[in-house]
Amino acid sequence: MPNNIVSTLIKLVVASLIVGFVMSYLNLTPRQAFESMGSAAVEVFEMGSSVFEWGFTYILLGAAVVIPIWLIAMGWKMLRNK
């Protein structure tokens, strides 16, 4: 079980990094994405980006897209298996 969790986390980080790079290429900044989500998200972004300047910004931006899609896919899979 732990190996599966680690593997899933690595896949999510890599997918988030790729999506973050693509969004950056399209000139969609993390600040723009989080400002549209509300002030709490902006505060979380500012705290996180000050800690991990380079990669964390792109991972966080990509995760804003990847994680909800992954959660929906996992929920859909669970519903189909019942």
N, C-alpha and C. Protein backbone atom coordinates (compact mmCIF):
# COMPACT_ATOMS: atom_id res chain seq x y z
N MET A 1 0.81 -1.20 0.00
CA MET A 1 0.00 0.00 0.00
C MET A 1 0.86 1.27 0.00
N PRO A 2 1.90 1.40 0.86
CA PRO A 2 2.71 2.63 0.85
C PRO A 2 3.36 2.89 -0.51
N ASN A 3 3.78 1.84 -1.20
CA ASN A 3 4.39 2.01 -2.51
C ASN A 3 3.38 2.63 -3.48
N ASN A 4 2.12 2.22 -3.40
CA ASN A 4 1.09 2.76 -4.27
C ASN A 4 0.85 4.24 -3.97
N ILE A 5 0.87 4.62 -2.71
CA ILE A 5 0.67 6.01 -2.33
C ILE A 5 1.82 6.87 -2.84
N VAL A 6 3.04 6.40 -2.66
CA VAL A 6 4.21 7.15 -3.12
C VAL A 6 4.18 7.30 -4.64
N SER A 7 3.84 6.23 -5.32
CA SER A 7 3.75 6.27 -6.78
C SER A 7 2.69 7.27 -7.23
N THR A 8 1.55 7.26 -6.58
CA THR A 8 0.49 8.20 -6.93
C THR A 8 0.92 9.63 -6.68
N LEU A 9 1.57 9.89 -5.55
CA LEU A 9 2.04 11.24 -5.25
C LEU A 9 3.06 11.72 -6.27
N ILE A 10 3.97 10.84 -6.67
CA ILE A 10 4.97 11.21 -7.67
C ILE A 10 4.29 11.55 -8.99
N LYS A 11 3.31 10.74 -9.39
CA LYS A 11 2.59 11.01 -10.64
C LYS A 11 1.85 12.34 -10.57
N LEU A 12 1.23 12.64 -9.43
CA LEU A 12 0.52 13.90 -9.28
C LEU A 12 1.47 15.09 -9.32
N VAL A 13 2.63 14.96 -8.70
CA VAL A 13 3.62 16.05 -8.72
C VAL A 13 4.12 16.28 -10.14
N VAL A 14 4.43 15.21 -10.86
CA VAL A 14 4.92 15.35 -12.24
C VAL A 14 3.84 15.96 -13.13
N ALA A 15 2.59 15.49 -13.01
CA ALA A 15 1.50 16.04 -13.81
C ALA A 15 1.28 17.51 -13.48
N SER A 16 1.36 17.86 -12.21
CA SER A 16 1.18 19.25 -11.79
C SER A 16 2.30 20.13 -12.35
N LEU A 17 3.52 19.62 -12.34
CA LEU A 17 4.65 20.37 -12.88
C LEU A 17 4.47 20.62 -14.38
N ILE A 18 4.04 19.60 -15.11
CA ILE A 18 3.83 19.75 -16.56
C ILE A 18 2.72 20.76 -16.84
N VAL A 19 1.60 20.64 -16.14
CA VAL A 19 0.49 21.57 -16.35
C VAL A 19 0.92 22.99 -15.97
N GLY A 20 1.70 23.12 -14.92
CA GLY A 20 2.21 24.43 -14.53
C GLY A 20 3.08 25.06 -15.60
N PHE A 21 3.96 24.25 -16.21
CA PHE A 21 4.79 24.77 -17.29
C PHE A 21 3.95 25.19 -18.49
N VAL A 22 2.95 24.40 -18.84
CA VAL A 22 2.08 24.73 -19.97
C VAL A 22 1.31 26.02 -19.70
N MET A 23 0.77 26.14 -18.49
CA MET A 23 0.04 27.36 -18.16
C MET A 23 0.96 28.57 -18.15
N SER A 24 2.21 28.37 -17.74
CA SER A 24 3.18 29.45 -17.76
C SER A 24 3.49 29.85 -19.21
N TYR A 25 3.61 28.85 -20.07
CA TYR A 25 3.87 29.12 -21.49
C TYR A 25 2.73 29.92 -22.11
N LEU A 26 1.51 29.68 -21.63
CA LEU A 26 0.34 30.39 -22.12
C LEU A 26 0.13 31.73 -21.40
N ASN A 27 1.12 32.14 -20.62
CA ASN A 27 1.09 33.40 -19.87
C ASN A 27 -0.06 33.46 -18.86
N LEU A 28 -0.41 32.33 -18.29
CA LEU A 28 -1.37 32.27 -17.20
C LEU A 28 -0.56 32.13 -15.91
N THR A 29 -0.52 33.20 -15.14
CA THR A 29 0.31 33.17 -13.94
C THR A 29 -0.44 32.52 -12.79
N PRO A 30 0.31 31.98 -11.83
CA PRO A 30 -0.34 31.42 -10.64
C PRO A 30 -1.19 32.46 -9.91
N ARG A 31 -0.71 33.68 -9.87
CA ARG A 31 -1.47 34.73 -9.18
C ARG A 31 -2.83 34.94 -9.84
N GLN A 32 -2.88 34.95 -11.17
CA GLN A 32 -4.16 35.12 -11.87
C GLN A 32 -5.11 33.97 -11.55
N ALA A 33 -4.57 32.77 -11.54
CA ALA A 33 -5.41 31.60 -11.26
C ALA A 33 -5.97 31.65 -9.85
N PHE A 34 -5.14 31.99 -8.89
CA PHE A 34 -5.57 31.99 -7.50
C PHE A 34 -6.42 33.20 -7.15
N GLU A 35 -6.21 34.34 -7.80
CA GLU A 35 -7.06 35.50 -7.54
C GLU A 35 -8.50 35.22 -7.94
N SER A 36 -8.68 34.42 -8.97
CA SER A 36 -10.04 34.09 -9.38
C SER A 36 -10.70 33.12 -8.39
N MET A 37 -9.92 32.46 -7.54
CA MET A 37 -10.45 31.51 -6.57
C MET A 37 -10.78 32.16 -5.22
N GLY A 38 -10.29 33.35 -4.96
CA GLY A 38 -10.62 34.02 -3.71
C GLY A 38 -9.39 34.39 -2.90
N SER A 39 -9.60 35.15 -1.85
CA SER A 39 -8.49 35.69 -1.07
C SER A 39 -7.75 34.62 -0.27
N ALA A 40 -8.43 33.59 0.19
CA ALA A 40 -7.74 32.54 0.95
C ALA A 40 -6.73 31.82 0.07
N ALA A 41 -7.10 31.56 -1.18
CA ALA A 41 -6.18 30.90 -2.10
C ALA A 41 -4.97 31.80 -2.40
N VAL A 42 -5.18 33.09 -2.49
CA VAL A 42 -4.07 34.03 -2.73
C VAL A 42 -3.10 33.98 -1.55
N GLU A 43 -3.62 33.95 -0.33
CA GLU A 43 -2.76 33.89 0.85
C GLU A 43 -1.96 32.60 0.89
N VAL A 44 -2.60 31.49 0.56
CA VAL A 44 -1.89 30.19 0.52
C VAL A 44 -0.80 30.24 -0.54
N PHE A 45 -1.11 30.78 -1.69
CA PHE A 45 -0.13 30.89 -2.76
C PHE A 45 1.06 31.73 -2.34
N GLU A 46 0.82 32.88 -1.71
CA GLU A 46 1.91 33.76 -1.30
C GLU A 46 2.82 33.10 -0.27
N MET A 47 2.21 32.37 0.68
CA MET A 47 3.03 31.68 1.68
C MET A 47 3.85 30.57 1.01
N GLY A 48 3.23 29.80 0.15
CA GLY A 48 3.92 28.68 -0.50
C GLY A 48 5.00 29.13 -1.46
N SER A 49 4.72 30.17 -2.24
CA SER A 49 5.71 30.60 -3.22
C SER A 49 6.93 31.24 -2.57
N SER A 50 6.76 31.81 -1.38
CA SER A 50 7.92 32.38 -0.71
C SER A 50 8.84 31.29 -0.18
N VAL A 51 8.30 30.10 0.10
CA VAL A 51 9.09 29.00 0.62
C VAL A 51 9.82 28.27 -0.52
N PHE A 52 9.11 27.96 -1.57
CA PHE A 52 9.68 27.20 -2.69
C PHE A 52 9.51 28.00 -3.98
N GLU A 53 10.38 28.95 -4.20
CA GLU A 53 10.25 29.89 -5.30
C GLU A 53 10.08 29.24 -6.67
N TRP A 54 10.93 28.32 -7.04
CA TRP A 54 10.96 27.85 -8.42
C TRP A 54 9.89 26.82 -8.73
N GLY A 55 10.06 25.61 -8.30
CA GLY A 55 9.19 24.51 -8.70
C GLY A 55 7.82 24.53 -8.06
N PHE A 56 7.74 24.98 -6.83
CA PHE A 56 6.48 24.93 -6.11
C PHE A 56 5.41 25.76 -6.79
N THR A 57 5.78 26.89 -7.37
CA THR A 57 4.82 27.75 -8.05
C THR A 57 4.15 27.00 -9.19
N TYR A 58 4.95 26.30 -9.99
CA TYR A 58 4.39 25.57 -11.12
C TYR A 58 3.63 24.34 -10.68
N ILE A 59 4.12 23.66 -9.66
CA ILE A 59 3.42 22.49 -9.14
C ILE A 59 2.07 22.90 -8.56
N LEU A 60 2.04 23.99 -7.83
CA LEU A 60 0.80 24.47 -7.24
C LEU A 60 -0.20 24.89 -8.30
N LEU A 61 0.27 25.56 -9.32
CA LEU A 61 -0.60 25.97 -10.42
C LEU A 61 -1.16 24.76 -11.14
N GLY A 62 -0.31 23.81 -11.45
CA GLY A 62 -0.77 22.60 -12.12
C GLY A 62 -1.68 21.77 -11.25
N ALA A 63 -1.38 21.73 -9.95
CA ALA A 63 -2.20 20.95 -9.03
C ALA A 63 -3.61 21.50 -8.93
N ALA A 64 -3.77 22.80 -9.13
CA ALA A 64 -5.11 23.39 -9.11
C ALA A 64 -5.98 22.81 -10.21
N VAL A 65 -5.36 22.29 -11.25
CA VAL A 65 -6.10 21.66 -12.35
C VAL A 65 -6.08 20.14 -12.21
N VAL A 66 -4.93 19.57 -11.91
CA VAL A 66 -4.75 18.12 -11.90
C VAL A 66 -5.51 17.44 -10.76
N ILE A 67 -5.42 17.97 -9.55
CA ILE A 67 -6.01 17.31 -8.38
C ILE A 67 -7.53 17.19 -8.49
N PRO A 68 -8.26 18.25 -8.85
CA PRO A 68 -9.71 18.06 -8.99
C PRO A 68 -10.08 17.04 -10.07
N ILE A 69 -9.37 17.04 -11.17
CA ILE A 69 -9.64 16.06 -12.23
C ILE A 69 -9.36 14.66 -11.72
N TRP A 70 -8.28 14.48 -10.99
CA TRP A 70 -7.95 13.17 -10.43
C TRP A 70 -9.01 12.71 -9.43
N LEU A 71 -9.47 13.62 -8.58
CA LEU A 71 -10.51 13.28 -7.61
C LEU A 71 -11.81 12.87 -8.30
N ILE A 72 -12.18 13.58 -9.34
CA ILE A 72 -13.39 13.22 -10.09
C ILE A 72 -13.23 11.86 -10.74
N ALA A 73 -12.06 11.62 -11.33
CA ALA A 73 -11.81 10.32 -11.98
C ALA A 73 -11.85 9.18 -10.97
N MET A 74 -11.26 9.39 -9.79
CA MET A 74 -11.28 8.35 -8.76
C MET A 74 -12.70 8.11 -8.26
N GLY A 75 -13.47 9.16 -8.08
CA GLY A 75 -14.86 9.02 -7.66
C GLY A 75 -15.69 8.29 -8.70
N TRP A 76 -15.46 8.63 -9.96
CA TRP A 76 -16.16 7.97 -11.06
C TRP A 76 -15.81 6.48 -11.09
N LYS A 77 -14.55 6.17 -10.90
CA LYS A 77 -14.10 4.77 -10.89
C LYS A 77 -14.75 4.00 -9.75
N MET A 78 -14.84 4.63 -8.58
CA MET A 78 -15.45 3.97 -7.42
C MET A 78 -16.94 3.72 -7.67
N LEU A 79 -17.62 4.68 -8.29
CA LEU A 79 -19.05 4.52 -8.59
C LEU A 79 -19.28 3.41 -9.61
N ARG A 80 -18.41 3.30 -10.59
CA ARG A 80 -18.55 2.27 -11.63
C ARG A 80 -18.31 0.87 -11.07
N ASN A 81 -17.45 0.77 -10.05
CA ASN A 81 -17.13 -0.54 -9.47
C ASN A 81 -18.22 -1.05 -8.55
N LYS A 82 -19.14 -0.22 -8.13
CA LYS A 82 -20.21 -0.66 -7.21
C LYS A 82 -21.35 -1.30 -7.92
